[in-house]
């Protein structure tokens, strides 16, 4: 469902294995699950991810899930 919503919002989405390097250099990062929906990740091992706050893509996805 999350991948479909991302595509519907015009985002490039993929399901792949990531390295720590990928995560540390991401613009945004979030976790997803049935009960949690989307949880923003703003820091990993003390390193700030992207701007250090939830950004546009996550907010748009969250709105789409609740509608």
PDB file of N, CA and C in Angstrom:
ATOM      1  N   UNK A   1       0.816  -1.190   0.000  1.00  0.00           N
ATOM      2  CA  UNK A   1       0.000   0.000   0.000  1.00  0.00           C
ATOM      3  C   UNK A   1       0.863   1.259   0.000  1.00  0.00           C
ATOM      4  N   UNK A   2       1.917   1.289   0.788  1.00  0.00           N
ATOM      5  CA  UNK A   2       2.772   2.473   0.875  1.00  0.00           C
ATOM      6  C   UNK A   2       3.453   2.744  -0.465  1.00  0.00           C
ATOM      7  N   UNK A   3       3.929   1.691  -1.127  1.00  0.00           N
ATOM      8  CA  UNK A   3       4.576   1.873  -2.426  1.00  0.00           C
ATOM      9  C   UNK A   3       3.583   2.414  -3.451  1.00  0.00           C
ATOM     10  N   UNK A   4       2.366   1.901  -3.443  1.00  0.00           N
ATOM     11  CA  UNK A   4       1.334   2.382  -4.365  1.00  0.00           C
ATOM     12  C   UNK A   4       1.013   3.856  -4.110  1.00  0.00           C
ATOM     13  N   UNK A   5       0.885   4.226  -2.851  1.00  0.00           N
ATOM     14  CA  UNK A   5       0.598   5.631  -2.523  1.00  0.00           C
ATOM     15  C   UNK A   5       1.723   6.537  -2.997  1.00  0.00           C
ATOM     16  N   UNK A   6       2.949   6.101  -2.816  1.00  0.00           N
ATOM     17  CA  UNK A   6       4.089   6.893  -3.277  1.00  0.00           C
ATOM     18  C   UNK A   6       4.042   7.112  -4.775  1.00  0.00           C
ATOM     19  N   UNK A   7       3.756   6.061  -5.512  1.00  0.00           N
ATOM     20  CA  UNK A   7       3.637   6.179  -6.968  1.00  0.00           C
ATOM     21  C   UNK A   7       2.499   7.126  -7.336  1.00  0.00           C
ATOM     22  N   UNK A   8       1.369   6.992  -6.644  1.00  0.00           N
ATOM     23  CA  UNK A   8       0.220   7.872  -6.906  1.00  0.00           C
ATOM     24  C   UNK A   8       0.567   9.339  -6.658  1.00  0.00           C
ATOM     25  N   UNK A   9       1.492   9.581  -5.735  1.00  0.00           N
ATOM     26  CA  UNK A   9       1.919  10.950  -5.434  1.00  0.00           C
ATOM     27  C   UNK A   9       3.035  11.425  -6.363  1.00  0.00           C
ATOM     28  N   UNK A  10       3.423  10.567  -7.315  1.00  0.00           N
ATOM     29  CA  UNK A  10       4.437  10.953  -8.289  1.00  0.00           C
ATOM     30  C   UNK A  10       5.863  10.779  -7.805  1.00  0.00           C
ATOM     31  N   UNK A  11       6.051   9.998  -6.743  1.00  0.00           N
ATOM     32  CA  UNK A  11       7.391   9.776  -6.208  1.00  0.00           C
ATOM     33  C   UNK A  11       7.989   8.511  -6.794  1.00  0.00           C
ATOM     34  N   UNK A  12       9.306   8.495  -6.899  1.00  0.00           N
ATOM     35  CA  UNK A  12      10.004   7.282  -7.311  1.00  0.00           C
ATOM     36  C   UNK A  12      10.139   6.401  -6.081  1.00  0.00           C
ATOM     37  N   UNK A  13       9.593   5.210  -6.123  1.00  0.00           N
ATOM     38  CA  UNK A  13       9.624   4.308  -4.975  1.00  0.00           C
ATOM     39  C   UNK A  13      10.246   2.973  -5.374  1.00  0.00           C
ATOM     40  N   UNK A  14      10.872   2.331  -4.403  1.00  0.00           N
ATOM     41  CA  UNK A  14      11.471   1.018  -4.641  1.00  0.00           C
ATOM     42  C   UNK A  14      11.586   0.293  -3.318  1.00  0.00           C
ATOM     43  N   UNK A  15      11.551  -1.009  -3.377  1.00  0.00           N
ATOM     44  CA  UNK A  15      11.777  -1.840  -2.203  1.00  0.00           C
ATOM     45  C   UNK A  15      13.132  -2.512  -2.407  1.00  0.00           C
ATOM     46  N   UNK A  16      14.091  -2.189  -1.548  1.00  0.00           N
ATOM     47  CA  UNK A  16      15.452  -2.683  -1.729  1.00  0.00           C
ATOM     48  C   UNK A  16      16.161  -2.780  -0.384  1.00  0.00           C
ATOM     49  N   UNK A  17      17.258  -3.480  -0.356  1.00  0.00           N
ATOM     50  CA  UNK A  17      18.099  -3.524   0.847  1.00  0.00           C
ATOM     51  C   UNK A  17      18.954  -2.272   0.874  1.00  0.00           C
ATOM     52  N   UNK A  18      19.086  -1.670   2.055  1.00  0.00           N
ATOM     53  CA  UNK A  18      19.857  -0.443   2.207  1.00  0.00           C
ATOM     54  C   UNK A  18      21.030  -0.664   3.146  1.00  0.00           C
ATOM     55  N   UNK A  19      22.089   0.078   2.899  1.00  0.00           N
ATOM     56  CA  UNK A  19      23.246   0.060   3.795  1.00  0.00           C
ATOM     57  C   UNK A  19      23.148   1.244   4.742  1.00  0.00           C
ATOM     58  N   UNK A  20      23.982   1.249   5.753  1.00  0.00           N
ATOM     59  CA  UNK A  20      24.036   2.408   6.660  1.00  0.00           C
ATOM     60  C   UNK A  20      24.393   3.669   5.882  1.00  0.00           C
ATOM     61  N   UNK A  21      25.270   3.537   4.905  1.00  0.00           N
ATOM     62  CA  UNK A  21      25.645   4.680   4.066  1.00  0.00           C
ATOM     63  C   UNK A  21      24.408   5.260   3.377  1.00  0.00           C
ATOM     64  N   UNK A  22      23.568   4.378   2.818  1.00  0.00           N
ATOM     65  CA  UNK A  22      22.343   4.834   2.160  1.00  0.00           C
ATOM     66  C   UNK A  22      21.456   5.614   3.124  1.00  0.00           C
ATOM     67  N   UNK A  23      21.290   5.079   4.322  1.00  0.00           N
ATOM     68  CA  UNK A  23      20.438   5.742   5.312  1.00  0.00           C
ATOM     69  C   UNK A  23      21.017   7.074   5.756  1.00  0.00           C
ATOM     70  N   UNK A  24      22.319   7.113   6.013  1.00  0.00           N
ATOM     71  CA  UNK A  24      22.956   8.347   6.468  1.00  0.00           C
ATOM     72  C   UNK A  24      22.887   9.448   5.413  1.00  0.00           C
ATOM     73  N   UNK A  25      22.802   9.091   4.149  1.00  0.00           N
ATOM     74  CA  UNK A  25      22.789  10.066   3.064  1.00  0.00           C
ATOM     75  C   UNK A  25      21.411  10.290   2.456  1.00  0.00           C
ATOM     76  N   UNK A  26      20.387   9.753   3.101  1.00  0.00           N
ATOM     77  CA  UNK A  26      19.015   9.891   2.591  1.00  0.00           C
ATOM     78  C   UNK A  26      18.481  11.300   2.819  1.00  0.00           C
ATOM     79  N   UNK A  27      17.620  11.740   1.920  1.00  0.00           N
ATOM     80  CA  UNK A  27      16.901  13.005   2.107  1.00  0.00           C
ATOM     81  C   UNK A  27      15.848  12.861   3.190  1.00  0.00           C
ATOM     82  N   UNK A  28      15.210  11.697   3.210  1.00  0.00           N
ATOM     83  CA  UNK A  28      14.195  11.383   4.208  1.00  0.00           C
ATOM     84  C   UNK A  28      14.261   9.905   4.524  1.00  0.00           C
ATOM     85  N   UNK A  29      13.754   9.553   5.691  1.00  0.00           N
ATOM     86  CA  UNK A  29      13.714   8.157   6.092  1.00  0.00           C
ATOM     87  C   UNK A  29      12.487   7.963   6.984  1.00  0.00           C
ATOM     88  N   UNK A  30      11.804   6.844   6.799  1.00  0.00           N
ATOM     89  CA  UNK A  30      10.682   6.537   7.671  1.00  0.00           C
ATOM     90  C   UNK A  30      10.537   5.032   7.789  1.00  0.00           C
ATOM     91  N   UNK A  31       9.854   4.627   8.827  1.00  0.00           N
ATOM     92  CA  UNK A  31       9.492   3.231   9.033  1.00  0.00           C
ATOM     93  C   UNK A  31       7.999   3.115   8.803  1.00  0.00           C
ATOM     94  N   UNK A  32       7.571   1.943   8.378  1.00  0.00           N
ATOM     95  CA  UNK A  32       6.149   1.729   8.158  1.00  0.00           C
ATOM     96  C   UNK A  32       5.740   0.386   8.745  1.00  0.00           C
ATOM     97  N   UNK A  33       4.512   0.328   9.179  1.00  0.00           N
ATOM     98  CA  UNK A  33       3.974  -0.900   9.743  1.00  0.00           C
ATOM     99  C   UNK A  33       2.469  -0.792   9.848  1.00  0.00           C
ATOM    100  N   UNK A  34       1.815  -1.895  10.078  1.00  0.00           N
ATOM    101  CA  UNK A  34       0.358  -1.925  10.111  1.00  0.00           C
ATOM    102  C   UNK A  34      -0.210  -0.959  11.147  1.00  0.00           C
ATOM    103  N   UNK A  35       0.251  -1.043  12.373  1.00  0.00           N
ATOM    104  CA  UNK A  35      -0.286  -0.188  13.426  1.00  0.00           C
ATOM    105  C   UNK A  35       0.298   1.208  13.436  1.00  0.00           C
ATOM    106  N   UNK A  36       1.530   1.342  12.977  1.00  0.00           N
ATOM    107  CA  UNK A  36       2.228   2.621  13.061  1.00  0.00           C
ATOM    108  C   UNK A  36       2.005   3.513  11.849  1.00  0.00           C
ATOM    109  N   UNK A  37       1.543   2.944  10.736  1.00  0.00           N
ATOM    110  CA  UNK A  37       1.426   3.654   9.461  1.00  0.00           C
ATOM    111  C   UNK A  37       2.796   4.156   9.037  1.00  0.00           C
ATOM    112  N   UNK A  38       3.094   5.454   9.165  1.00  0.00           N
ATOM    113  CA  UNK A  38       4.416   5.979   8.813  1.00  0.00           C
ATOM    114  C   UNK A  38       5.031   6.700  10.004  1.00  0.00           C
ATOM    115  N   UNK A  39       6.234   6.304  10.367  1.00  0.00           N
ATOM    116  CA  UNK A  39       6.947   6.935  11.472  1.00  0.00           C
ATOM    117  C   UNK A  39       8.216   7.576  10.911  1.00  0.00           C
ATOM    118  N   UNK A  40       8.359   8.897  11.024  1.00  0.00           N
ATOM    119  CA  UNK A  40       9.569   9.531  10.501  1.00  0.00           C
ATOM    120  C   UNK A  40      10.797   9.153  11.332  1.00  0.00           C
ATOM    121  N   UNK A  41      11.906   8.983  10.651  1.00  0.00           N
ATOM    122  CA  UNK A  41      13.198   8.749  11.305  1.00  0.00           C
ATOM    123  C   UNK A  41      14.035   9.988  11.029  1.00  0.00           C
ATOM    124  N   UNK A  42      14.397  10.710  12.067  1.00  0.00           N
ATOM    125  CA  UNK A  42      15.152  11.951  11.872  1.00  0.00           C
ATOM    126  C   UNK A  42      16.605  11.825  12.321  1.00  0.00           C
ATOM    127  N   UNK A  43      16.933  10.711  12.994  1.00  0.00           N
ATOM    128  CA  UNK A  43      18.300  10.514  13.472  1.00  0.00           C
ATOM    129  C   UNK A  43      18.577   9.027  13.567  1.00  0.00           C
ATOM    130  N   UNK A  44      19.768   8.618  13.107  1.00  0.00           N
ATOM    131  CA  UNK A  44      20.219   7.234  13.212  1.00  0.00           C
ATOM    132  C   UNK A  44      21.630   7.246  13.774  1.00  0.00           C
ATOM    133  N   UNK A  45      21.833   6.544  14.872  1.00  0.00           N
ATOM    134  CA  UNK A  45      23.146   6.508  15.532  1.00  0.00           C
ATOM    135  C   UNK A  45      23.716   7.907  15.758  1.00  0.00           C
ATOM    136  N   UNK A  46      22.851   8.846  16.132  1.00  0.00           N
ATOM    137  CA  UNK A  46      23.289  10.206  16.423  1.00  0.00           C
ATOM    138  C   UNK A  46      23.479  11.087  15.201  1.00  0.00           C
ATOM    139  N   UNK A  47      23.302  10.548  14.012  1.00  0.00           N
ATOM    140  CA  UNK A  47      23.448  11.327  12.777  1.00  0.00           C
ATOM    141  C   UNK A  47      22.078  11.800  12.303  1.00  0.00           C
ATOM    142  N   UNK A  48      21.991  13.076  12.007  1.00  0.00           N
ATOM    143  CA  UNK A  48      20.731  13.652  11.534  1.00  0.00           C
ATOM    144  C   UNK A  48      20.500  13.216  10.087  1.00  0.00           C
ATOM    145  N   UNK A  49      19.278  12.797   9.804  1.00  0.00           N
ATOM    146  CA  UNK A  49      18.887  12.382   8.469  1.00  0.00           C
ATOM    147  C   UNK A  49      18.185  13.547   7.776  1.00  0.00           C
ATOM    148  N   UNK A  50      18.649  13.886   6.584  1.00  0.00           N
ATOM    149  CA  UNK A  50      18.055  14.986   5.825  1.00  0.00           C
ATOM    150  C   UNK A  50      18.087  16.278   6.611  1.00  0.00           C
ATOM    151  N   UNK A  51      16.928  16.900   6.773  1.00  0.00           N
ATOM    152  CA  UNK A  51      16.823  18.169   7.502  1.00  0.00           C
ATOM    153  C   UNK A  51      16.633  17.975   9.000  1.00  0.00           C
ATOM    154  N   UNK A  52      16.552  16.715   9.436  1.00  0.00           N
ATOM    155  CA  UNK A  52      16.367  16.443  10.856  1.00  0.00           C
ATOM    156  C   UNK A  52      14.932  16.587  11.319  1.00  0.00           C
ATOM    157  N   UNK A  53      14.013  16.608  10.375  1.00  0.00           N
ATOM    158  CA  UNK A  53      12.582  16.703  10.695  1.00  0.00           C
ATOM    159  C   UNK A  53      11.804  16.036   9.564  1.00  0.00           C
ATOM    160  N   UNK A  54      10.566  15.616   9.842  1.00  0.00           N
ATOM    161  CA  UNK A  54       9.745  15.031   8.773  1.00  0.00           C
ATOM    162  C   UNK A  54       9.566  16.045   7.646  1.00  0.00           C
ATOM    163  N   UNK A  55       9.680  15.579   6.423  1.00  0.00           N
ATOM    164  CA  UNK A  55       9.610  16.494   5.291  1.00  0.00           C
ATOM    165  C   UNK A  55       8.382  16.219   4.434  1.00  0.00           C
ATOM    166  N   UNK A  56       8.317  16.830   3.301  1.00  0.00           N
ATOM    167  CA  UNK A  56       7.154  16.855   2.426  1.00  0.00           C
ATOM    168  C   UNK A  56       6.626  15.470   2.054  1.00  0.00           C
ATOM    169  N   UNK A  57       7.471  14.575   1.610  1.00  0.00           N
ATOM    170  CA  UNK A  57       7.001  13.266   1.135  1.00  0.00           C
ATOM    171  C   UNK A  57       6.270  12.513   2.239  1.00  0.00           C
ATOM    172  N   UNK A  58       6.829  12.472   3.428  1.00  0.00           N
ATOM    173  CA  UNK A  58       6.190  11.747   4.522  1.00  0.00           C
ATOM    174  C   UNK A  58       4.853  12.378   4.886  1.00  0.00           C
ATOM    175  N   UNK A  59       4.788  13.696   4.916  1.00  0.00           N
ATOM    176  CA  UNK A  59       3.524  14.367   5.239  1.00  0.00           C
ATOM    177  C   UNK A  59       2.463  14.065   4.184  1.00  0.00           C
ATOM    178  N   UNK A  60       2.844  14.084   2.909  1.00  0.00           N
ATOM    179  CA  UNK A  60       1.899  13.774   1.832  1.00  0.00           C
ATOM    180  C   UNK A  60       1.412  12.333   1.944  1.00  0.00           C
ATOM    181  N   UNK A  61       2.305  11.413   2.235  1.00  0.00           N
ATOM    182  CA  UNK A  61       1.908  10.005   2.364  1.00  0.00           C
ATOM    183  C   UNK A  61       0.958   9.856   3.541  1.00  0.00           C
ATOM    184  N   UNK A  62       1.274  10.498   4.652  1.00  0.00           N
ATOM    185  CA  UNK A  62       0.409  10.388   5.836  1.00  0.00           C
ATOM    186  C   UNK A  62      -0.999  10.895   5.534  1.00  0.00           C
ATOM    187  N   UNK A  63      -1.096  11.991   4.814  1.00  0.00           N
ATOM    188  CA  UNK A  63      -2.417  12.519   4.438  1.00  0.00           C
ATOM    189  C   UNK A  63      -3.158  11.523   3.557  1.00  0.00           C
ATOM    190  N   UNK A  64      -2.451  10.888   2.630  1.00  0.00           N
ATOM    191  CA  UNK A  64      -3.084   9.934   1.718  1.00  0.00           C
ATOM    192  C   UNK A  64      -3.589   8.699   2.468  1.00  0.00           C
ATOM    193  N   UNK A  65      -2.843   8.253   3.464  1.00  0.00           N
ATOM    194  CA  UNK A  65      -3.239   7.076   4.233  1.00  0.00           C
ATOM    195  C   UNK A  65      -4.497   7.362   5.034  1.00  0.00           C
ATOM    196  N   UNK A  66      -4.605   8.533   5.613  1.00  0.00           N
ATOM    197  CA  UNK A  66      -5.747   8.840   6.456  1.00  0.00           C
ATOM    198  C   UNK A  66      -6.995   9.160   5.664  1.00  0.00           C
ATOM    199  N   UNK A  67      -6.859   9.417   4.364  1.00  0.00           N
ATOM    200  CA  UNK A  67      -8.043   9.731   3.530  1.00  0.00           C
ATOM    201  C   UNK A  67      -8.672   8.488   2.980  1.00  0.00           C
TER     202      UNK A  67
END
